[in-house]
Amino acid sequence: MKKVYEISFDGIDYFSITIVFAETAGKAKYQVIGTDGFYDAEFTELGCKRAKWADELVNASQLEIEIAELKHGWYWRLDSGEYIDDDTIPLVEKYGGIDHFVAAFDDSNSNLHYGEDGFYETGLLEADK
């Protein structure tokens, strides 16, 4: 039976974390080596702990997994310094996931902005009226 493990890597210039569905902790660690965020990680450099809170996500969509991660204190920091955290959940849901949300934010024609209180949307753009 597969369990959920939280795998982390503290690289020189970044920190990566993900959840993995695997039969053992060792198999979970092997799954991430060489993947995005773990491309230069060695097996012995990876942190691994059980993520029982995610056991219910075995058949979940990527969006459901991302929302659960945000609700459990995870966050993403964009290269430009903005943070996607639990306050951003409604917008992440609206845009259909973190990748779509980030793409919309990066789009210069987007109505997504970032301020002191985090992400927010402005009114409709002329093209949307």
C-alpha atoms as a PDB file:
ATOM      1  CA  MET A   1       0.000   0.000   0.000  1.00  0.00           C
ATOM      2  CA  LYS A   2       1.302   3.410  -0.948  1.00  0.00           C
ATOM      3  CA  LYS A   3       1.795   6.076   1.683  1.00  0.00           C
ATOM      4  CA  VAL A   4       2.508   9.766   1.285  1.00  0.00           C
ATOM      5  CA  TYR A   5       5.939  11.168   2.075  1.00  0.00           C
ATOM      6  CA  GLU A   6       7.088  14.760   2.203  1.00  0.00           C
ATOM      7  CA  ILE A   7      10.483  15.017   0.498  1.00  0.00           C
ATOM      8  CA  SER A   8      12.614  18.126   0.974  1.00  0.00           C
ATOM      9  CA  PHE A   9      15.940  19.360  -0.300  1.00  0.00           C
ATOM     10  CA  ASP A  10      17.855  22.384   0.942  1.00  0.00           C
ATOM     11  CA  GLY A  11      19.968  23.348  -2.060  1.00  0.00           C
ATOM     12  CA  ILE A  12      22.604  26.054  -2.131  1.00  0.00           C
ATOM     13  CA  ASP A  13      20.303  28.734  -3.572  1.00  0.00           C
ATOM     14  CA  TYR A  14      16.853  27.241  -3.029  1.00  0.00           C
ATOM     15  CA  PHE A  15      14.639  24.965  -0.984  1.00  0.00           C
ATOM     16  CA  SER A  16      12.389  22.354  -2.613  1.00  0.00           C
ATOM     17  CA  ILE A  17       9.618  20.277  -1.148  1.00  0.00           C
ATOM     18  CA  THR A  18       7.094  17.885  -2.642  1.00  0.00           C
ATOM     19  CA  ILE A  19       4.851  15.031  -1.663  1.00  0.00           C
ATOM     20  CA  VAL A  20       5.354  11.579  -3.128  1.00  0.00           C
ATOM     21  CA  PHE A  21       3.174   8.475  -3.092  1.00  0.00           C
ATOM     22  CA  ALA A  22       5.350   5.421  -2.456  1.00  0.00           C
ATOM     23  CA  GLU A  23       5.528   2.145  -0.554  1.00  0.00           C
ATOM     24  CA  THR A  24       8.598   3.164   1.478  1.00  0.00           C
ATOM     25  CA  ALA A  25      10.547   6.297   2.380  1.00  0.00           C
ATOM     26  CA  GLY A  26      13.520   5.121   0.322  1.00  0.00           C
ATOM     27  CA  LYS A  27      11.380   4.601  -2.774  1.00  0.00           C
ATOM     28  CA  ALA A  28       9.866   8.048  -2.249  1.00  0.00           C
ATOM     29  CA  LYS A  29      13.313   9.653  -2.163  1.00  0.00           C
ATOM     30  CA  TYR A  30      14.412   7.839  -5.310  1.00  0.00           C
ATOM     31  CA  GLN A  31      11.327   9.124  -7.153  1.00  0.00           C
ATOM     32  CA  VAL A  32      12.349  12.769  -6.839  1.00  0.00           C
ATOM     33  CA  ILE A  33      16.064  12.568  -7.666  1.00  0.00           C
ATOM     34  CA  GLY A  34      16.656  14.356 -10.959  1.00  0.00           C
ATOM     35  CA  THR A  35      13.207  15.984 -11.088  1.00  0.00           C
ATOM     36  CA  ASP A  36      12.390  19.701 -11.047  1.00  0.00           C
ATOM     37  CA  GLY A  37      13.742  21.192  -7.829  1.00  0.00           C
ATOM     38  CA  PHE A  38      15.725  18.046  -7.027  1.00  0.00           C
ATOM     39  CA  TYR A  39      17.930  17.798 -10.111  1.00  0.00           C
ATOM     40  CA  ASP A  40      21.218  18.085  -8.220  1.00  0.00           C
ATOM     41  CA  ALA A  41      20.142  16.344  -5.004  1.00  0.00           C
ATOM     42  CA  GLU A  42      21.856  13.249  -3.690  1.00  0.00           C
ATOM     43  CA  PHE A  43      19.826  10.544  -1.939  1.00  0.00           C
ATOM     44  CA  THR A  44      21.488  11.265   1.415  1.00  0.00           C
ATOM     45  CA  GLU A  45      20.749  15.024   1.130  1.00  0.00           C
ATOM     46  CA  LEU A  46      16.992  14.524   0.966  1.00  0.00           C
ATOM     47  CA  GLY A  47      14.760  14.962   3.959  1.00  0.00           C
ATOM     48  CA  CYS A  48      11.854  12.544   4.182  1.00  0.00           C
ATOM     49  CA  LYS A  49       8.935  12.290   6.566  1.00  0.00           C
ATOM     50  CA  ARG A  50       5.483  10.771   6.471  1.00  0.00           C
ATOM     51  CA  ALA A  51       2.721  13.151   5.423  1.00  0.00           C
ATOM     52  CA  LYS A  52      -0.330  11.430   6.897  1.00  0.00           C
ATOM     53  CA  TRP A  53      -2.379  14.562   6.216  1.00  0.00           C
ATOM     54  CA  ALA A  54      -2.014  13.809   2.493  1.00  0.00           C
ATOM     55  CA  ASP A  55      -3.011  10.125   2.566  1.00  0.00           C
ATOM     56  CA  GLU A  56      -6.489  11.070   1.371  1.00  0.00           C
ATOM     57  CA  LEU A  57      -4.985  12.668  -1.763  1.00  0.00           C
ATOM     58  CA  VAL A  58      -3.941   9.434  -3.494  1.00  0.00           C
ATOM     59  CA  ASN A  59      -6.576   9.894  -6.214  1.00  0.00           C
ATOM     60  CA  ALA A  60      -6.783  13.692  -6.037  1.00  0.00           C
ATOM     61  CA  SER A  61      -6.229  16.113  -8.894  1.00  0.00           C
ATOM     62  CA  GLN A  62      -3.133  18.311  -9.029  1.00  0.00           C
ATOM     63  CA  LEU A  63      -5.295  21.286  -8.012  1.00  0.00           C
ATOM     64  CA  GLU A  64      -6.652  19.436  -4.968  1.00  0.00           C
ATOM     65  CA  ILE A  65      -3.102  18.495  -3.954  1.00  0.00           C
ATOM     66  CA  GLU A  66      -1.864  22.085  -4.316  1.00  0.00           C
ATOM     67  CA  ILE A  67      -4.766  23.445  -2.254  1.00  0.00           C
ATOM     68  CA  ALA A  68      -4.098  20.854   0.477  1.00  0.00           C
ATOM     69  CA  GLU A  69      -0.415  21.809   0.501  1.00  0.00           C
ATOM     70  CA  LEU A  70      -1.281  25.502   0.871  1.00  0.00           C
ATOM     71  CA  LYS A  71      -3.681  24.675   3.705  1.00  0.00           C
ATOM     72  CA  HIS A  72      -0.858  22.807   5.470  1.00  0.00           C
ATOM     73  CA  GLY A  73       1.466  25.805   5.489  1.00  0.00           C
ATOM     74  CA  TRP A  74       3.282  25.305   2.224  1.00  0.00           C
ATOM     75  CA  TYR A  75       4.055  28.326   0.085  1.00  0.00           C
ATOM     76  CA  TRP A  76       5.703  29.097  -3.218  1.00  0.00           C
ATOM     77  CA  ARG A  77       8.009  32.063  -3.733  1.00  0.00           C
ATOM     78  CA  LEU A  78       8.194  33.390  -7.254  1.00  0.00           C
ATOM     79  CA  ASP A  79      11.532  34.464  -8.728  1.00  0.00           C
ATOM     80  CA  SER A  80      10.367  38.075  -8.459  1.00  0.00           C
ATOM     81  CA  GLY A  81       9.780  37.701  -4.700  1.00  0.00           C
ATOM     82  CA  GLU A  82       5.986  37.298  -4.433  1.00  0.00           C
ATOM     83  CA  TYR A  83       4.591  34.557  -2.204  1.00  0.00           C
ATOM     84  CA  ILE A  84       1.745  32.198  -3.014  1.00  0.00           C
ATOM     85  CA  ASP A  85       0.370  31.029   0.340  1.00  0.00           C
ATOM     86  CA  ASP A  86      -2.920  30.048   1.951  1.00  0.00           C
ATOM     87  CA  ASP A  87      -4.269  33.582   1.478  1.00  0.00           C
ATOM     88  CA  THR A  88      -4.015  32.985  -2.277  1.00  0.00           C
ATOM     89  CA  ILE A  89      -6.169  29.810  -2.297  1.00  0.00           C
ATOM     90  CA  PRO A  90      -9.290  31.457  -3.820  1.00  0.00           C
ATOM     91  CA  LEU A  91      -7.255  32.808  -6.751  1.00  0.00           C
ATOM     92  CA  VAL A  92      -5.352  29.544  -7.251  1.00  0.00           C
ATOM     93  CA  GLU A  93      -8.708  27.741  -7.388  1.00  0.00           C
ATOM     94  CA  LYS A  94     -10.148  30.328  -9.778  1.00  0.00           C
ATOM     95  CA  TYR A  95      -7.216  29.971 -12.185  1.00  0.00           C
ATOM     96  CA  GLY A  96      -7.134  26.174 -11.966  1.00  0.00           C
ATOM     97  CA  GLY A  97      -3.818  25.623 -10.207  1.00  0.00           C
ATOM     98  CA  ILE A  98      -0.552  27.263  -9.286  1.00  0.00           C
ATOM     99  CA  ASP A  99       1.027  26.984 -12.748  1.00  0.00           C
ATOM    100  CA  HIS A 100      -2.004  28.620 -14.397  1.00  0.00           C
ATOM    101  CA  PHE A 101      -2.143  31.262 -11.672  1.00  0.00           C
ATOM    102  CA  VAL A 102       1.547  32.123 -12.124  1.00  0.00           C
ATOM    103  CA  ALA A 103       1.126  32.245 -15.923  1.00  0.00           C
ATOM    104  CA  ALA A 104      -1.787  34.666 -15.522  1.00  0.00           C
ATOM    105  CA  PHE A 105       0.211  36.804 -13.083  1.00  0.00           C
ATOM    106  CA  ASP A 106       3.185  36.878 -15.465  1.00  0.00           C
ATOM    107  CA  ASP A 107       0.941  37.938 -18.368  1.00  0.00           C
ATOM    108  CA  SER A 108       1.372  41.692 -18.788  1.00  0.00           C
ATOM    109  CA  ASN A 109      -2.313  41.974 -19.780  1.00  0.00           C
ATOM    110  CA  SER A 110      -3.494  40.237 -16.625  1.00  0.00           C
ATOM    111  CA  ASN A 111      -5.637  41.848 -13.946  1.00  0.00           C
ATOM    112  CA  LEU A 112      -3.596  40.057 -11.247  1.00  0.00           C
ATOM    113  CA  HIS A 113      -1.340  42.223  -9.129  1.00  0.00           C
ATOM    114  CA  TYR A 114       0.730  41.904  -5.972  1.00  0.00           C
ATOM    115  CA  GLY A 115       0.741  44.454  -3.158  1.00  0.00           C
ATOM    116  CA  GLU A 116       1.433  44.770   0.545  1.00  0.00           C
ATOM    117  CA  ASP A 117      -1.459  42.420   1.342  1.00  0.00           C
ATOM    118  CA  GLY A 118      -0.573  39.812  -1.270  1.00  0.00           C
ATOM    119  CA  PHE A 119      -2.187  39.036  -4.608  1.00  0.00           C
ATOM    120  CA  TYR A 120      -5.314  40.807  -5.781  1.00  0.00           C
ATOM    121  CA  GLU A 121      -7.345  41.288  -8.949  1.00  0.00           C
ATOM    122  CA  THR A 122      -8.332  44.596 -10.487  1.00  0.00           C
ATOM    123  CA  GLY A 123     -11.475  45.195 -12.539  1.00  0.00           C
ATOM    124  CA  LEU A 124     -12.020  43.889 -16.033  1.00  0.00           C
ATOM    125  CA  LEU A 125      -9.566  44.858 -18.710  1.00  0.00           C
ATOM    126  CA  GLU A 126     -10.848  46.764 -21.747  1.00  0.00           C
ATOM    127  CA  ALA A 127     -10.529  43.605 -23.860  1.00  0.00           C
ATOM    128  CA  ASP A 128     -12.784  41.718 -21.414  1.00  0.00           C
ATOM    129  CA  LYS A 129     -15.631  44.290 -21.492  1.00  0.00           C
END
